[in-house]
């Protein structure tokens, strides 16, 4: 028996099982570069980070704030400085969950 493809049901299943907003956030080219940069360089201040990117400090700061909201980076304040570092565990867990959930969605009965 052939099942009819239902785009609304498909979209609903994907939205329930995959954290699409998270992946949209990290797939931005600047933000993905920031993640990789912090993962390879460790904890750094906003000034140290911004010095390595062509965007100005305020743009980098907005990107880091968004990454922080999605727990992709961690931050801590020491005096007047804010230090950022990649949160590799959260990123790895999100990808692992997405892989498991996509396998399950792709294995749904036909």
PDB file of N, CA and C in Angstrom:
ATOM      1  N   UNK A   1       0.835  -1.183   0.000  1.00  0.00           N
ATOM      2  CA  UNK A   1       0.000   0.000   0.000  1.00  0.00           C
ATOM      3  C   UNK A   1       0.883   1.251   0.000  1.00  0.00           C
ATOM      4  N   UNK A   2       0.615   2.159  -0.897  1.00  0.00           N
ATOM      5  CA  UNK A   2       1.388   3.383  -1.051  1.00  0.00           C
ATOM      6  C   UNK A   2       0.823   4.476  -0.141  1.00  0.00           C
ATOM      7  N   UNK A   3       1.671   5.057   0.710  1.00  0.00           N
ATOM      8  CA  UNK A   3       1.248   6.171   1.555  1.00  0.00           C
ATOM      9  C   UNK A   3       1.513   7.468   0.813  1.00  0.00           C
ATOM     10  N   UNK A   4       0.584   8.392   0.958  1.00  0.00           N
ATOM     11  CA  UNK A   4       0.737   9.691   0.330  1.00  0.00           C
ATOM     12  C   UNK A   4       1.644  10.569   1.185  1.00  0.00           C
ATOM     13  N   UNK A   5       2.570  11.219   0.519  1.00  0.00           N
ATOM     14  CA  UNK A   5       3.458  12.163   1.194  1.00  0.00           C
ATOM     15  C   UNK A   5       2.641  13.360   1.666  1.00  0.00           C
ATOM     16  N   UNK A   6       2.759  13.681   2.941  1.00  0.00           N
ATOM     17  CA  UNK A   6       2.050  14.819   3.516  1.00  0.00           C
ATOM     18  C   UNK A   6       3.091  15.804   4.040  1.00  0.00           C
ATOM     19  N   UNK A   7       3.333  16.900   3.319  1.00  0.00           N
ATOM     20  CA  UNK A   7       4.381  17.840   3.732  1.00  0.00           C
ATOM     21  C   UNK A   7       4.158  18.434   5.119  1.00  0.00           C
ATOM     22  N   UNK A   8       2.910  18.658   5.503  1.00  0.00           N
ATOM     23  CA  UNK A   8       2.643  19.236   6.828  1.00  0.00           C
ATOM     24  C   UNK A   8       3.017  18.262   7.942  1.00  0.00           C
ATOM     25  N   UNK A   9       2.664  16.998   7.770  1.00  0.00           N
ATOM     26  CA  UNK A   9       3.017  15.981   8.765  1.00  0.00           C
ATOM     27  C   UNK A   9       4.530  15.814   8.825  1.00  0.00           C
ATOM     28  N   UNK A  10       5.144  15.789   7.660  1.00  0.00           N
ATOM     29  CA  UNK A  10       6.608  15.657   7.597  1.00  0.00           C
ATOM     30  C   UNK A  10       7.283  16.818   8.327  1.00  0.00           C
ATOM     31  N   UNK A  11       6.858  18.035   8.040  1.00  0.00           N
ATOM     32  CA  UNK A  11       7.437  19.209   8.685  1.00  0.00           C
ATOM     33  C   UNK A  11       7.228  19.170  10.190  1.00  0.00           C
ATOM     34  N   UNK A  12       6.054  18.751  10.617  1.00  0.00           N
ATOM     35  CA  UNK A  12       5.753  18.660  12.047  1.00  0.00           C
ATOM     36  C   UNK A  12       6.672  17.644  12.725  1.00  0.00           C
ATOM     37  N   UNK A  13       6.867  16.487  12.109  1.00  0.00           N
ATOM     38  CA  UNK A  13       7.757  15.470  12.677  1.00  0.00           C
ATOM     39  C   UNK A  13       9.190  15.992  12.793  1.00  0.00           C
ATOM     40  N   UNK A  14       9.655  16.665  11.758  1.00  0.00           N
ATOM     41  CA  UNK A  14      11.012  17.207  11.787  1.00  0.00           C
ATOM     42  C   UNK A  14      11.145  18.246  12.888  1.00  0.00           C
ATOM     43  N   UNK A  15      10.175  19.152  12.997  1.00  0.00           N
ATOM     44  CA  UNK A  15      10.236  20.198  14.020  1.00  0.00           C
ATOM     45  C   UNK A  15      10.172  19.625  15.432  1.00  0.00           C
ATOM     46  N   UNK A  16       9.467  18.505  15.601  1.00  0.00           N
ATOM     47  CA  UNK A  16       9.391  17.869  16.915  1.00  0.00           C
ATOM     48  C   UNK A  16      10.682  17.156  17.281  1.00  0.00           C
ATOM     49  N   UNK A  17      11.376  16.620  16.298  1.00  0.00           N
ATOM     50  CA  UNK A  17      12.524  15.745  16.561  1.00  0.00           C
ATOM     51  C   UNK A  17      13.887  16.392  16.344  1.00  0.00           C
ATOM     52  N   UNK A  18      13.935  17.464  15.581  1.00  0.00           N
ATOM     53  CA  UNK A  18      15.212  18.111  15.257  1.00  0.00           C
ATOM     54  C   UNK A  18      15.156  19.559  15.737  1.00  0.00           C
ATOM     55  N   UNK A  19      16.179  20.002  16.427  1.00  0.00           N
ATOM     56  CA  UNK A  19      16.235  21.377  16.927  1.00  0.00           C
ATOM     57  C   UNK A  19      16.684  22.306  15.793  1.00  0.00           C
ATOM     58  N   UNK A  20      15.757  22.594  14.882  1.00  0.00           N
ATOM     59  CA  UNK A  20      16.089  23.402  13.713  1.00  0.00           C
ATOM     60  C   UNK A  20      16.602  24.800  14.061  1.00  0.00           C
ATOM     61  N   UNK A  21      16.019  25.493  15.047  1.00  0.00           N
ATOM     62  CA  UNK A  21      16.573  26.814  15.386  1.00  0.00           C
ATOM     63  C   UNK A  21      18.052  26.740  15.793  1.00  0.00           C
ATOM     64  N   UNK A  22      18.427  25.706  16.526  1.00  0.00           N
ATOM     65  CA  UNK A  22      19.823  25.532  16.913  1.00  0.00           C
ATOM     66  C   UNK A  22      20.713  25.415  15.670  1.00  0.00           C
ATOM     67  N   UNK A  23      20.305  24.569  14.721  1.00  0.00           N
ATOM     68  CA  UNK A  23      21.117  24.358  13.527  1.00  0.00           C
ATOM     69  C   UNK A  23      21.149  25.591  12.637  1.00  0.00           C
ATOM     70  N   UNK A  24      20.058  26.341  12.589  1.00  0.00           N
ATOM     71  CA  UNK A  24      20.064  27.604  11.836  1.00  0.00           C
ATOM     72  C   UNK A  24      21.081  28.576  12.440  1.00  0.00           C
ATOM     73  N   UNK A  25      21.146  28.618  13.764  1.00  0.00           N
ATOM     74  CA  UNK A  25      22.082  29.515  14.442  1.00  0.00           C
ATOM     75  C   UNK A  25      23.527  29.130  14.145  1.00  0.00           C
ATOM     76  N   UNK A  26      23.857  27.867  14.246  1.00  0.00           N
ATOM     77  CA  UNK A  26      25.264  27.493  14.086  1.00  0.00           C
ATOM     78  C   UNK A  26      25.697  27.401  12.627  1.00  0.00           C
ATOM     79  N   UNK A  27      24.760  27.365  11.687  1.00  0.00           N
ATOM     80  CA  UNK A  27      25.123  27.254  10.272  1.00  0.00           C
ATOM     81  C   UNK A  27      25.453  28.596   9.627  1.00  0.00           C
ATOM     82  N   UNK A  28      25.228  29.676  10.327  1.00  0.00           N
ATOM     83  CA  UNK A  28      25.663  30.971   9.816  1.00  0.00           C
ATOM     84  C   UNK A  28      27.187  30.925   9.678  1.00  0.00           C
ATOM     85  N   UNK A  29      27.743  31.389   8.544  1.00  0.00           N
ATOM     86  CA  UNK A  29      29.199  31.283   8.342  1.00  0.00           C
ATOM     87  C   UNK A  29      30.040  31.944   9.433  1.00  0.00           C
ATOM     88  N   UNK A  30      29.663  33.126   9.870  1.00  0.00           N
ATOM     89  CA  UNK A  30      30.453  33.803  10.915  1.00  0.00           C
ATOM     90  C   UNK A  30      30.363  33.017  12.225  1.00  0.00           C
ATOM     91  N   UNK A  31      29.153  32.597  12.590  1.00  0.00           N
ATOM     92  CA  UNK A  31      28.994  31.876  13.852  1.00  0.00           C
ATOM     93  C   UNK A  31      29.689  30.519  13.820  1.00  0.00           C
ATOM     94  N   UNK A  32      29.610  29.821  12.702  1.00  0.00           N
ATOM     95  CA  UNK A  32      30.316  28.528  12.637  1.00  0.00           C
ATOM     96  C   UNK A  32      31.822  28.744  12.730  1.00  0.00           C
ATOM     97  N   UNK A  33      32.334  29.807  12.130  1.00  0.00           N
ATOM     98  CA  UNK A  33      33.763  30.120  12.270  1.00  0.00           C
ATOM     99  C   UNK A  33      34.121  30.479  13.707  1.00  0.00           C
ATOM    100  N   UNK A  34      33.241  31.215  14.376  1.00  0.00           N
ATOM    101  CA  UNK A  34      33.480  31.545  15.785  1.00  0.00           C
ATOM    102  C   UNK A  34      33.551  30.284  16.644  1.00  0.00           C
ATOM    103  N   UNK A  35      32.643  29.345  16.398  1.00  0.00           N
ATOM    104  CA  UNK A  35      32.639  28.093  17.167  1.00  0.00           C
ATOM    105  C   UNK A  35      33.954  27.345  16.972  1.00  0.00           C
ATOM    106  N   UNK A  36      34.354  27.186  15.718  1.00  0.00           N
ATOM    107  CA  UNK A  36      35.601  26.461  15.435  1.00  0.00           C
ATOM    108  C   UNK A  36      36.815  27.199  15.981  1.00  0.00           C
ATOM    109  N   UNK A  37      36.801  28.525  15.875  1.00  0.00           N
ATOM    110  CA  UNK A  37      37.897  29.336  16.401  1.00  0.00           C
ATOM    111  C   UNK A  37      38.033  29.153  17.912  1.00  0.00           C
ATOM    112  N   UNK A  38      36.909  29.241  18.624  1.00  0.00           N
ATOM    113  CA  UNK A  38      36.961  29.073  20.080  1.00  0.00           C
ATOM    114  C   UNK A  38      37.311  27.633  20.469  1.00  0.00           C
ATOM    115  N   UNK A  39      36.814  26.678  19.716  1.00  0.00           N
ATOM    116  CA  UNK A  39      37.133  25.281  20.022  1.00  0.00           C
ATOM    117  C   UNK A  39      38.620  25.012  19.879  1.00  0.00           C
ATOM    118  N   UNK A  40      39.267  25.672  18.940  1.00  0.00           N
ATOM    119  CA  UNK A  40      40.694  25.419  18.739  1.00  0.00           C
ATOM    120  C   UNK A  40      41.601  26.336  19.559  1.00  0.00           C
ATOM    121  N   UNK A  41      41.058  27.449  20.060  1.00  0.00           N
ATOM    122  CA  UNK A  41      41.888  28.411  20.803  1.00  0.00           C
ATOM    123  C   UNK A  41      41.569  28.504  22.283  1.00  0.00           C
ATOM    124  N   UNK A  42      40.496  27.876  22.721  1.00  0.00           N
ATOM    125  CA  UNK A  42      40.154  27.932  24.137  1.00  0.00           C
ATOM    126  C   UNK A  42      39.488  29.242  24.517  1.00  0.00           C
ATOM    127  N   UNK A  43      39.424  29.474  25.805  1.00  0.00           N
ATOM    128  CA  UNK A  43      38.731  30.638  26.348  1.00  0.00           C
ATOM    129  C   UNK A  43      39.432  31.938  25.956  1.00  0.00           C
ATOM    130  N   UNK A  44      38.627  32.899  25.491  1.00  0.00           N
ATOM    131  CA  UNK A  44      39.176  34.189  25.055  1.00  0.00           C
ATOM    132  C   UNK A  44      38.192  35.305  25.370  1.00  0.00           C
ATOM    133  N   UNK A  45      38.714  36.525  25.460  1.00  0.00           N
ATOM    134  CA  UNK A  45      37.856  37.702  25.654  1.00  0.00           C
ATOM    135  C   UNK A  45      37.269  38.127  24.314  1.00  0.00           C
ATOM    136  N   UNK A  46      36.236  38.938  24.389  1.00  0.00           N
ATOM    137  CA  UNK A  46      35.621  39.458  23.174  1.00  0.00           C
ATOM    138  C   UNK A  46      36.637  40.246  22.348  1.00  0.00           C
ATOM    139  N   UNK A  47      37.513  40.989  23.006  1.00  0.00           N
ATOM    140  CA  UNK A  47      38.528  41.768  22.282  1.00  0.00           C
ATOM    141  C   UNK A  47      39.491  40.849  21.540  1.00  0.00           C
ATOM    142  N   UNK A  48      39.922  39.799  22.197  1.00  0.00           N
ATOM    143  CA  UNK A  48      40.832  38.842  21.563  1.00  0.00           C
ATOM    144  C   UNK A  48      40.162  38.146  20.377  1.00  0.00           C
ATOM    145  N   UNK A  49      38.905  37.808  20.540  1.00  0.00           N
ATOM    146  CA  UNK A  49      38.166  37.132  19.472  1.00  0.00           C
ATOM    147  C   UNK A  49      37.968  38.091  18.295  1.00  0.00           C
ATOM    148  N   UNK A  50      37.454  39.280  18.582  1.00  0.00           N
ATOM    149  CA  UNK A  50      37.154  40.255  17.523  1.00  0.00           C
ATOM    150  C   UNK A  50      38.398  40.642  16.734  1.00  0.00           C
ATOM    151  N   UNK A  51      39.556  40.617  17.373  1.00  0.00           N
ATOM    152  CA  UNK A  51      40.802  40.963  16.684  1.00  0.00           C
ATOM    153  C   UNK A  51      41.126  39.978  15.557  1.00  0.00           C
ATOM    154  N   UNK A  52      40.551  38.788  15.613  1.00  0.00           N
ATOM    155  CA  UNK A  52      40.839  37.749  14.623  1.00  0.00           C
ATOM    156  C   UNK A  52      39.800  37.662  13.504  1.00  0.00           C
ATOM    157  N   UNK A  53      38.776  38.522  13.556  1.00  0.00           N
ATOM    158  CA  UNK A  53      37.694  38.471  12.566  1.00  0.00           C
ATOM    159  C   UNK A  53      37.549  39.816  11.870  1.00  0.00           C
ATOM    160  N   UNK A  54      37.118  39.806  10.604  1.00  0.00           N
ATOM    161  CA  UNK A  54      36.972  41.081   9.882  1.00  0.00           C
ATOM    162  C   UNK A  54      35.797  41.937  10.353  1.00  0.00           C
ATOM    163  N   UNK A  55      34.805  41.321  10.981  1.00  0.00           N
ATOM    164  CA  UNK A  55      33.656  42.071  11.471  1.00  0.00           C
ATOM    165  C   UNK A  55      34.073  42.893  12.689  1.00  0.00           C
ATOM    166  N   UNK A  56      33.350  43.988  12.935  1.00  0.00           N
ATOM    167  CA  UNK A  56      33.711  44.798  14.096  1.00  0.00           C
ATOM    168  C   UNK A  56      33.261  44.112  15.385  1.00  0.00           C
ATOM    169  N   UNK A  57      33.748  44.631  16.467  1.00  0.00           N
ATOM    170  CA  UNK A  57      33.515  44.018  17.783  1.00  0.00           C
ATOM    171  C   UNK A  57      32.032  43.881  18.110  1.00  0.00           C
ATOM    172  N   UNK A  58      31.218  44.879  17.778  1.00  0.00           N
ATOM    173  CA  UNK A  58      29.792  44.804  18.120  1.00  0.00           C
ATOM    174  C   UNK A  58      29.091  43.690  17.346  1.00  0.00           C
ATOM    175  N   UNK A  59      29.488  43.463  16.109  1.00  0.00           N
ATOM    176  CA  UNK A  59      28.904  42.373  15.322  1.00  0.00           C
ATOM    177  C   UNK A  59      29.302  41.023  15.932  1.00  0.00           C
ATOM    178  N   UNK A  60      30.566  40.881  16.277  1.00  0.00           N
ATOM    179  CA  UNK A  60      31.045  39.643  16.900  1.00  0.00           C
ATOM    180  C   UNK A  60      30.327  39.430  18.236  1.00  0.00           C
ATOM    181  N   UNK A  61      30.151  40.494  18.982  1.00  0.00           N
ATOM    182  CA  UNK A  61      29.467  40.405  20.272  1.00  0.00           C
ATOM    183  C   UNK A  61      28.032  39.912  20.102  1.00  0.00           C
ATOM    184  N   UNK A  62      27.323  40.415  19.097  1.00  0.00           N
ATOM    185  CA  UNK A  62      25.948  39.953  18.844  1.00  0.00           C
ATOM    186  C   UNK A  62      25.924  38.470  18.463  1.00  0.00           C
ATOM    187  N   UNK A  63      26.870  38.061  17.642  1.00  0.00           N
ATOM    188  CA  UNK A  63      26.949  36.636  17.281  1.00  0.00           C
ATOM    189  C   UNK A  63      27.214  35.779  18.520  1.00  0.00           C
ATOM    190  N   UNK A  64      28.125  36.214  19.352  1.00  0.00           N
ATOM    191  CA  UNK A  64      28.449  35.455  20.565  1.00  0.00           C
ATOM    192  C   UNK A  64      27.257  35.411  21.521  1.00  0.00           C
ATOM    193  N   UNK A  65      26.513  36.505  21.623  1.00  0.00           N
ATOM    194  CA  UNK A  65      25.315  36.515  22.472  1.00  0.00           C
ATOM    195  C   UNK A  65      24.298  35.486  21.991  1.00  0.00           C
ATOM    196  N   UNK A  66      24.106  35.416  20.687  1.00  0.00           N
ATOM    197  CA  UNK A  66      23.171  34.440  20.133  1.00  0.00           C
ATOM    198  C   UNK A  66      23.664  33.015  20.386  1.00  0.00           C
ATOM    199  N   UNK A  67      24.941  32.787  20.178  1.00  0.00           N
ATOM    200  CA  UNK A  67      25.512  31.461  20.455  1.00  0.00           C
ATOM    201  C   UNK A  67      25.369  31.108  21.935  1.00  0.00           C
ATOM    202  N   UNK A  68      25.517  32.091  22.794  1.00  0.00           N
ATOM    203  CA  UNK A  68      25.347  31.860  24.227  1.00  0.00           C
ATOM    204  C   UNK A  68      23.904  31.488  24.558  1.00  0.00           C
ATOM    205  N   UNK A  69      22.949  32.158  23.931  1.00  0.00           N
ATOM    206  CA  UNK A  69      21.536  31.840  24.171  1.00  0.00           C
ATOM    207  C   UNK A  69      21.211  30.396  23.809  1.00  0.00           C
ATOM    208  N   UNK A  70      21.902  29.869  22.818  1.00  0.00           N
ATOM    209  CA  UNK A  70      21.681  28.476  22.408  1.00  0.00           C
ATOM    210  C   UNK A  70      22.679  27.520  23.062  1.00  0.00           C
ATOM    211  N   UNK A  71      23.428  27.996  24.034  1.00  0.00           N
ATOM    212  CA  UNK A  71      24.389  27.217  24.822  1.00  0.00           C
ATOM    213  C   UNK A  71      25.534  26.653  23.994  1.00  0.00           C
ATOM    214  N   UNK A  72      25.793  27.242  22.838  1.00  0.00           N
ATOM    215  CA  UNK A  72      26.888  26.800  21.984  1.00  0.00           C
ATOM    216  C   UNK A  72      28.217  27.282  22.548  1.00  0.00           C
ATOM    217  N   UNK A  73      28.184  28.420  23.210  1.00  0.00           N
ATOM    218  CA  UNK A  73      29.367  28.925  23.904  1.00  0.00           C
ATOM    219  C   UNK A  73      28.999  29.164  25.363  1.00  0.00           C
ATOM    220  N   UNK A  74      30.015  29.112  26.178  1.00  0.00           N
ATOM    221  CA  UNK A  74      29.862  29.462  27.590  1.00  0.00           C
ATOM    222  C   UNK A  74      30.570  30.789  27.791  1.00  0.00           C
ATOM    223  N   UNK A  75      30.146  31.519  28.788  1.00  0.00           N
ATOM    224  CA  UNK A  75      30.843  32.771  29.085  1.00  0.00           C
ATOM    225  C   UNK A  75      30.924  32.963  30.584  1.00  0.00           C
ATOM    226  N   UNK A  76      31.949  33.704  30.962  1.00  0.00           N
ATOM    227  CA  UNK A  76      32.109  34.056  32.368  1.00  0.00           C
ATOM    228  C   UNK A  76      32.679  35.460  32.432  1.00  0.00           C
ATOM    229  N   UNK A  77      32.323  36.154  33.481  1.00  0.00           N
ATOM    230  CA  UNK A  77      32.812  37.510  33.673  1.00  0.00           C
ATOM    231  C   UNK A  77      33.880  37.501  34.747  1.00  0.00           C
ATOM    232  N   UNK A  78      34.976  38.178  34.458  1.00  0.00           N
ATOM    233  CA  UNK A  78      36.068  38.340  35.416  1.00  0.00           C
ATOM    234  C   UNK A  78      36.459  39.814  35.377  1.00  0.00           C
ATOM    235  N   UNK A  79      36.070  40.522  36.408  1.00  0.00           N
ATOM    236  CA  UNK A  79      36.302  41.964  36.408  1.00  0.00           C
ATOM    237  C   UNK A  79      35.457  42.610  35.329  1.00  0.00           C
ATOM    238  N   UNK A  80      36.108  43.343  34.444  1.00  0.00           N
ATOM    239  CA  UNK A  80      35.385  44.013  33.364  1.00  0.00           C
ATOM    240  C   UNK A  80      35.351  43.187  32.085  1.00  0.00           C
ATOM    241  N   UNK A  81      36.060  42.077  32.076  1.00  0.00           N
ATOM    242  CA  UNK A  81      36.163  41.248  30.872  1.00  0.00           C
ATOM    243  C   UNK A  81      35.143  40.110  30.887  1.00  0.00           C
ATOM    244  N   UNK A  82      34.653  39.769  29.708  1.00  0.00           N
ATOM    245  CA  UNK A  82      33.819  38.584  29.533  1.00  0.00           C
ATOM    246  C   UNK A  82      34.608  37.606  28.682  1.00  0.00           C
ATOM    247  N   UNK A  83      34.731  36.397  29.175  1.00  0.00           N
ATOM    248  CA  UNK A  83      35.464  35.345  28.480  1.00  0.00           C
ATOM    249  C   UNK A  83      34.485  34.355  27.866  1.00  0.00           C
ATOM    250  N   UNK A  84      34.776  33.935  26.648  1.00  0.00           N
ATOM    251  CA  UNK A  84      33.938  32.970  25.932  1.00  0.00           C
ATOM    252  C   UNK A  84      34.749  31.722  25.624  1.00  0.00           C
ATOM    253  N   UNK A  85      34.050  30.592  25.620  1.00  0.00           N
ATOM    254  CA  UNK A  85      34.659  29.351  25.157  1.00  0.00           C
ATOM    255  C   UNK A  85      33.583  28.487  24.523  1.00  0.00           C
ATOM    256  N   UNK A  86      34.001  27.641  23.599  1.00  0.00           N
ATOM    257  CA  UNK A  86      33.056  26.749  22.928  1.00  0.00           C
ATOM    258  C   UNK A  86      32.515  25.732  23.924  1.00  0.00           C
ATOM    259  N   UNK A  87      31.256  25.395  23.781  1.00  0.00           N
ATOM    260  CA  UNK A  87      30.621  24.374  24.616  1.00  0.00           C
ATOM    261  C   UNK A  87      30.492  23.121  23.748  1.00  0.00           C
ATOM    262  N   UNK A  88      31.598  22.425  23.583  1.00  0.00           N
ATOM    263  CA  UNK A  88      31.669  21.294  22.661  1.00  0.00           C
ATOM    264  C   UNK A  88      30.664  20.200  23.000  1.00  0.00           C
ATOM    265  N   UNK A  89      30.400  19.989  24.266  1.00  0.00           N
ATOM    266  CA  UNK A  89      29.479  18.916  24.660  1.00  0.00           C
ATOM    267  C   UNK A  89      28.067  19.171  24.148  1.00  0.00           C
ATOM    268  N   UNK A  90      27.596  20.401  24.281  1.00  0.00           N
ATOM    269  CA  UNK A  90      26.248  20.733  23.799  1.00  0.00           C
ATOM    270  C   UNK A  90      26.166  20.552  22.291  1.00  0.00           C
ATOM    271  N   UNK A  91      27.168  21.031  21.571  1.00  0.00           N
ATOM    272  CA  UNK A  91      27.162  20.902  20.112  1.00  0.00           C
ATOM    273  C   UNK A  91      27.189  19.433  19.709  1.00  0.00           C
ATOM    274  N   UNK A  92      28.060  18.659  20.315  1.00  0.00           N
ATOM    275  CA  UNK A  92      28.149  17.227  19.990  1.00  0.00           C
ATOM    276  C   UNK A  92      26.844  16.507  20.319  1.00  0.00           C
ATOM    277  N   UNK A  93      26.245  16.822  21.453  1.00  0.00           N
ATOM    278  CA  UNK A  93      24.978  16.192  21.839  1.00  0.00           C
ATOM    279  C   UNK A  93      23.852  16.535  20.867  1.00  0.00           C
ATOM    280  N   UNK A  94      23.787  17.786  20.421  1.00  0.00           N
ATOM    281  CA  UNK A  94      22.744  18.189  19.474  1.00  0.00           C
ATOM    282  C   UNK A  94      22.888  17.427  18.156  1.00  0.00           C
ATOM    283  N   UNK A  95      24.133  17.284  17.684  1.00  0.00           N
ATOM    284  CA  UNK A  95      24.352  16.540  16.447  1.00  0.00           C
ATOM    285  C   UNK A  95      24.025  15.060  16.632  1.00  0.00           C
ATOM    286  N   UNK A  96      24.385  14.497  17.762  1.00  0.00           N
ATOM    287  CA  UNK A  96      24.092  13.083  18.022  1.00  0.00           C
ATOM    288  C   UNK A  96      22.585  12.853  18.083  1.00  0.00           C
ATOM    289  N   UNK A  97      21.877  13.723  18.792  1.00  0.00           N
ATOM    290  CA  UNK A  97      20.418  13.601  18.876  1.00  0.00           C
ATOM    291  C   UNK A  97      19.777  13.742  17.498  1.00  0.00           C
ATOM    292  N   UNK A  98      20.258  14.698  16.720  1.00  0.00           N
ATOM    293  CA  UNK A  98      19.700  14.911  15.382  1.00  0.00           C
ATOM    294  C   UNK A  98      19.929  13.686  14.505  1.00  0.00           C
ATOM    295  N   UNK A  99      21.106  13.080  14.605  1.00  0.00           N
ATOM    296  CA  UNK A  99      21.400  11.890  13.801  1.00  0.00           C
ATOM    297  C   UNK A  99      20.470  10.740  14.169  1.00  0.00           C
ATOM    298  N   UNK A 100      20.302  10.499  15.440  1.00  0.00           N
ATOM    299  CA  UNK A 100      19.413   9.423  15.899  1.00  0.00           C
ATOM    300  C   UNK A 100      17.979   9.684  15.441  1.00  0.00           C
ATOM    301  N   UNK A 101      17.522  10.917  15.621  1.00  0.00           N
ATOM    302  CA  UNK A 101      16.148  11.251  15.266  1.00  0.00           C
ATOM    303  C   UNK A 101      15.919  11.221  13.753  1.00  0.00           C
ATOM    304  N   UNK A 102      16.906  11.645  12.975  1.00  0.00           N
ATOM    305  CA  UNK A 102      16.748  11.581  11.521  1.00  0.00           C
ATOM    306  C   UNK A 102      16.701  10.133  11.050  1.00  0.00           C
ATOM    307  N   UNK A 103      17.530   9.276  11.629  1.00  0.00           N
ATOM    308  CA  UNK A 103      17.483   7.853  11.277  1.00  0.00           C
ATOM    309  C   UNK A 103      16.096   7.287  11.562  1.00  0.00           C
ATOM    310  N   UNK A 104      15.532   7.654  12.702  1.00  0.00           N
ATOM    311  CA  UNK A 104      14.199   7.172  13.058  1.00  0.00           C
ATOM    312  C   UNK A 104      13.144   7.713  12.084  1.00  0.00           C
ATOM    313  N   UNK A 105      13.244   8.985  11.736  1.00  0.00           N
ATOM    314  CA  UNK A 105      12.277   9.560  10.798  1.00  0.00           C
ATOM    315  C   UNK A 105      12.383   8.931   9.415  1.00  0.00           C
ATOM    316  N   UNK A 106      13.598   8.640   8.989  1.00  0.00           N
ATOM    317  CA  UNK A 106      13.792   8.040   7.666  1.00  0.00           C
ATOM    318  C   UNK A 106      13.402   6.572   7.633  1.00  0.00           C
ATOM    319  N   UNK A 107      13.214   5.971   8.805  1.00  0.00           N
ATOM    320  CA  UNK A 107      12.824   4.563   8.895  1.00  0.00           C
ATOM    321  C   UNK A 107      11.332   4.360   9.113  1.00  0.00           C
ATOM    322  N   UNK A 108      10.570   5.443   9.056  1.00  0.00           N
ATOM    323  CA  UNK A 108       9.124   5.318   9.242  1.00  0.00           C
ATOM    324  C   UNK A 108       8.548   4.388   8.168  1.00  0.00           C
ATOM    325  N   UNK A 109       7.503   3.644   8.510  1.00  0.00           N
ATOM    326  CA  UNK A 109       6.916   2.727   7.537  1.00  0.00           C
ATOM    327  C   UNK A 109       6.427   3.458   6.294  1.00  0.00           C
ATOM    328  N   UNK A 110       6.579   2.794   5.176  1.00  0.00           N
ATOM    329  CA  UNK A 110       6.154   3.377   3.893  1.00  0.00           C
ATOM    330  C   UNK A 110       4.692   3.169   3.669  1.00  0.00           C
TER     331      UNK A 110
END
